[in-house]
Protein backbone atom coordinates (compact mmCIF):
# COMPACT_ATOMS: atom_id res chain seq x y z
CA UNK A 1 3.03 -13.03 -18.06
CA UNK A 2 6.73 -14.08 -18.51
CA UNK A 3 7.85 -10.64 -17.08
CA UNK A 4 5.87 -10.71 -13.76
CA UNK A 5 7.29 -14.16 -13.61
CA UNK A 6 10.47 -14.55 -14.40
CA UNK A 7 10.33 -17.21 -17.22
CA UNK A 8 9.01 -18.52 -20.69
CA UNK A 9 5.13 -19.51 -20.56
CA UNK A 10 4.44 -21.53 -23.32
CA UNK A 11 1.58 -19.77 -26.12
CA UNK A 12 1.08 -17.32 -23.05
CA UNK A 13 -0.82 -20.12 -21.22
CA UNK A 14 -1.02 -22.11 -17.98
CA UNK A 15 -2.52 -25.00 -16.43
CA UNK A 16 -5.19 -23.87 -14.14
CA UNK A 17 -3.70 -26.12 -11.45
CA UNK A 18 0.24 -24.57 -11.67
CA UNK A 19 -0.96 -20.89 -11.53
CA UNK A 20 -2.48 -21.70 -8.65
CA UNK A 21 0.07 -23.47 -6.92
CA UNK A 22 2.50 -20.76 -7.40
CA UNK A 23 0.04 -18.70 -5.16
CA UNK A 24 0.88 -17.48 -1.80
CA UNK A 25 -0.68 -20.13 0.33
CA UNK A 26 -2.31 -17.22 2.61
CA UNK A 27 -3.85 -15.79 -0.83
CA UNK A 28 -4.79 -18.51 -2.76
CA UNK A 29 -8.62 -19.33 -1.01
CA UNK A 30 -9.90 -15.77 -1.62
CA UNK A 31 -8.46 -15.87 -5.33
CA UNK A 32 -9.42 -19.29 -6.31
CA UNK A 33 -13.20 -18.62 -4.72
CA UNK A 34 -13.42 -15.32 -6.74
CA UNK A 35 -12.54 -17.35 -9.90
CA UNK A 36 -14.72 -20.46 -8.89
CA UNK A 37 -17.90 -18.07 -7.95
CA UNK A 38 -17.70 -16.58 -11.86
CA UNK A 39 -17.09 -20.07 -13.71
CA UNK A 40 -19.71 -21.33 -11.78
CA UNK A 41 -22.84 -18.80 -12.27
CA UNK A 42 -23.55 -16.89 -14.56
CA UNK A 43 -20.93 -13.69 -14.46
CA UNK A 44 -18.74 -12.70 -17.11
CA UNK A 45 -16.14 -11.04 -15.73
CA UNK A 46 -14.06 -10.82 -11.90
CA UNK A 47 -11.46 -9.31 -10.55
CA UNK A 48 -9.07 -9.86 -7.31
CA UNK A 49 -5.20 -9.68 -6.19
CA UNK A 50 -3.04 -11.94 -5.02
CA UNK A 51 0.39 -12.93 -4.86
CA UNK A 52 2.56 -14.90 -6.95
CA UNK A 53 5.64 -16.49 -6.46
CA UNK A 54 8.84 -15.52 -9.06
CA UNK A 55 11.32 -17.82 -10.58
CA UNK A 56 14.30 -16.82 -8.40
CA UNK A 57 11.26 -17.47 -5.40
CA UNK A 58 10.15 -13.91 -4.37
CA UNK A 59 6.59 -13.15 -3.72
CA UNK A 60 4.63 -9.86 -6.18
CA UNK A 61 1.56 -8.80 -5.82
CA UNK A 62 -0.70 -9.29 -8.65
CA UNK A 63 -4.45 -7.95 -9.86
CA UNK A 64 -6.36 -10.57 -12.26
CA UNK A 65 -8.99 -8.75 -14.57
CA UNK A 66 -10.86 -12.10 -16.19
CA UNK A 67 -13.50 -12.53 -18.62
CA UNK A 68 -15.38 -15.41 -18.91
CA UNK A 69 -16.45 -16.64 -22.15
CA UNK A 70 -19.71 -18.74 -22.44
CA UNK A 71 -21.80 -21.40 -24.98
CA UNK A 72 -25.12 -21.28 -24.22
CA UNK A 73 -24.32 -20.06 -21.02
CA UNK A 74 -21.70 -22.72 -20.54
CA UNK A 75 -17.72 -21.39 -19.00
CA UNK A 76 -15.82 -22.43 -21.77
CA UNK A 77 -12.87 -20.54 -21.69
CA UNK A 78 -11.00 -17.68 -19.35
CA UNK A 79 -9.08 -14.50 -20.28
CA UNK A 80 -7.13 -13.02 -18.13
CA UNK A 81 -4.79 -9.85 -17.64
CA UNK A 82 -2.84 -8.89 -15.14
CA UNK A 83 -1.22 -6.41 -13.90
CA UNK A 84 1.78 -5.70 -10.85
CA UNK A 85 1.26 -3.98 -8.28
CA UNK A 86 2.51 -2.65 -4.85
CA UNK A 87 2.21 -4.08 -2.09
CA UNK A 88 0.48 -1.33 -0.67
CA UNK A 89 -1.77 0.54 -3.08
CA UNK A 90 -5.27 -0.36 -3.10
CA UNK A 91 -7.16 -4.44 -3.87
CA UNK A 92 -8.04 -3.89 -7.32
CA UNK A 93 -6.54 -1.02 -9.37
CA UNK A 94 -8.64 0.90 -11.78
CA UNK A 95 -8.97 0.02 -14.72
CA UNK A 96 -7.02 1.67 -18.12
CA UNK A 97 -8.13 5.06 -18.98
CA UNK A 98 -10.13 5.89 -21.31
CA UNK A 99 -9.39 5.78 -24.57
CA UNK A 100 -8.30 9.42 -25.64
CA UNK A 101 -8.80 11.71 -29.73
CA UNK A 102 -6.59 14.55 -28.37
CA UNK A 103 -8.46 17.38 -27.66
CA UNK A 104 -10.82 16.10 -31.23
CA UNK A 105 -13.57 13.83 -29.04
CA UNK A 106 -16.64 15.35 -30.92
CA UNK A 107 -15.58 15.65 -34.52
CA UNK A 108 -13.76 11.79 -34.75
CA UNK A 109 -16.03 9.88 -32.27
CA UNK A 110 -19.05 11.32 -35.12
CA UNK A 111 -16.87 10.25 -38.14
CA UNK A 112 -15.87 6.96 -36.41
CA UNK A 113 -20.26 6.59 -35.63
CA UNK A 114 -20.92 7.15 -39.48
CA UNK A 115 -18.68 5.28 -40.68
CA UNK A 116 -20.45 1.71 -42.31
CA UNK A 117 -17.40 -0.80 -40.54
CA UNK A 118 -16.91 -1.84 -37.43
CA UNK A 119 -13.86 0.35 -35.34
CA UNK A 120 -12.64 -0.03 -31.83
CA UNK A 121 -9.84 1.42 -29.77
CA UNK A 122 -7.65 -1.32 -28.68
CA UNK A 123 -4.60 -0.61 -25.71
CA UNK A 124 -1.03 -2.59 -25.95
CA UNK A 125 -2.60 -5.25 -23.34
CA UNK A 126 -5.35 -6.50 -24.85
CA UNK A 127 -7.71 -3.46 -23.22
CA UNK A 128 -11.17 -2.18 -25.45
CA UNK A 129 -12.22 1.21 -24.15
CA UNK A 130 -14.08 2.43 -27.05
CA UNK A 131 -16.53 0.87 -30.10
CA UNK A 132 -18.40 2.84 -32.58
CA UNK A 133 -22.11 3.00 -32.57
CA UNK A 134 -22.35 0.35 -35.89
CA UNK A 135 -20.23 -2.22 -33.21
CA UNK A 136 -23.48 -1.57 -30.94
CA UNK A 137 -25.99 -1.63 -33.88
CA UNK A 138 -24.38 -4.63 -35.09
CA UNK A 139 -23.63 -7.13 -32.45
CA UNK A 140 -26.60 -5.60 -30.46
CA UNK A 141 -24.33 -5.02 -26.85
CA UNK A 142 -24.45 -2.53 -24.45
CA UNK A 143 -21.03 -0.45 -23.63
CA UNK A 144 -21.09 -1.81 -20.11
CA UNK A 145 -21.32 -5.32 -21.57
CA UNK A 146 -18.37 -4.78 -23.65
CA UNK A 147 -15.58 -2.43 -21.69
CA UNK A 148 -12.43 -4.05 -21.22
CA UNK A 149 -12.42 -7.67 -22.24
CA UNK A 150 -16.39 -7.74 -23.25
CA UNK A 151 -15.78 -8.16 -27.07
CA UNK A 152 -14.41 -11.54 -26.14
CA UNK A 153 -18.01 -12.35 -25.97
CA UNK A 154 -19.56 -10.57 -29.73
CA UNK A 155 -17.46 -13.54 -31.07
CA UNK A 156 -18.14 -17.27 -32.26
CA UNK A 157 -16.23 -19.48 -29.22
CA UNK A 158 -14.88 -22.01 -32.17
CA UNK A 159 -13.19 -18.46 -33.45
CA UNK A 160 -11.61 -17.33 -30.24
CA UNK A 161 -8.70 -19.54 -29.32
CA UNK A 162 -7.19 -17.97 -32.55
CA UNK A 163 -7.91 -14.83 -32.50
CA UNK A 164 -6.35 -14.42 -29.25
CA UNK A 165 -3.48 -15.95 -30.19
CA UNK A 166 -3.41 -13.93 -33.78
CA UNK A 167 -4.22 -10.30 -31.50
CA UNK A 168 -1.16 -11.36 -29.13
CA UNK A 169 1.13 -12.00 -31.84
CA UNK A 170 -0.50 -8.82 -33.29
CA UNK A 171 -0.17 -6.51 -29.75
CA UNK A 172 3.21 -8.15 -28.64
CA UNK A 173 5.07 -6.65 -31.95
CA UNK A 174 2.94 -3.52 -32.31
CA UNK A 175 2.08 -5.09 -36.32
CA UNK A 176 -1.13 -4.71 -37.98
CA UNK A 177 -4.05 -7.57 -37.99
CA UNK A 178 -6.05 -8.92 -40.16
CA UNK A 179 -8.22 -11.62 -39.72
CA UNK A 180 -11.77 -12.86 -40.60
CA UNK A 181 -14.03 -14.20 -38.08
CA UNK A 182 -17.43 -14.62 -36.82
CA UNK A 183 -19.87 -12.52 -34.72
CA UNK A 184 -22.69 -12.38 -32.41
CA UNK A 185 -25.21 -10.46 -34.10
CA UNK A 186 -28.33 -8.56 -32.71
CA UNK A 187 -30.32 -10.75 -34.55
CA UNK A 188 -29.02 -14.50 -34.96
CA UNK A 189 -26.40 -15.96 -32.80
CA UNK A 190 -22.63 -16.22 -34.83
CA UNK A 191 -23.95 -14.74 -38.23
CA UNK A 192 -21.91 -13.57 -40.80
CA UNK A 193 -18.01 -13.72 -40.96
CA UNK A 194 -16.34 -10.24 -40.44
CA UNK A 195 -13.06 -8.50 -41.49
CA UNK A 196 -10.98 -6.86 -39.44
CA UNK A 197 -7.91 -5.14 -39.91
CA UNK A 198 -6.56 -3.94 -36.95
CA UNK A 199 -3.31 -1.23 -36.19
CA UNK A 200 -1.80 -2.35 -32.75
CA UNK A 201 1.13 0.03 -32.69
CA UNK A 202 1.87 0.80 -29.11
CA UNK A 203 0.91 4.72 -28.61
CA UNK A 204 3.89 7.04 -27.11
CA UNK A 205 3.98 9.65 -24.94
CA UNK A 206 3.88 13.04 -26.45
């Protein structure tokens, strides 16, 4: 967000009214209606594109992909990922490419699926595109429900702010993230404590 706006953003978060005030007047209504409709309904995610004003006064196109975190059906938090795009590009960019295992997909997938622990792969942007079978068995969630930022819905809302803060630090520094948090199980709501150790190094091109 700091790169897009050209100015520091405390803790990577901003007040909703302040952010909407940075939107281009011609785009604000549609973007606001898209997010408000998702928040007031039952949708768990939404996407829209609009222009925002940088600190130097220039307008830049961004695509916002957001996930709505709910507790008992009530929206309690919105986590959004922003990416810049060319004004002539498609209104909604495609999602990040699926995680690849360098030609050994079948063998490695079978190995990871056989693990008794929960495993997943996360991009530097925080987008998760791979979970092992144990994750889906434990949470009862489908691959479609967990795609991208869907992993947020599996966390206890009370733990989520801390999890997001630590994840942001790890992703920014390319460090190992180790934490304890509660996950929603398929048979009980937010039962148990899970420990995760996530290497968050940014992948390099071969």
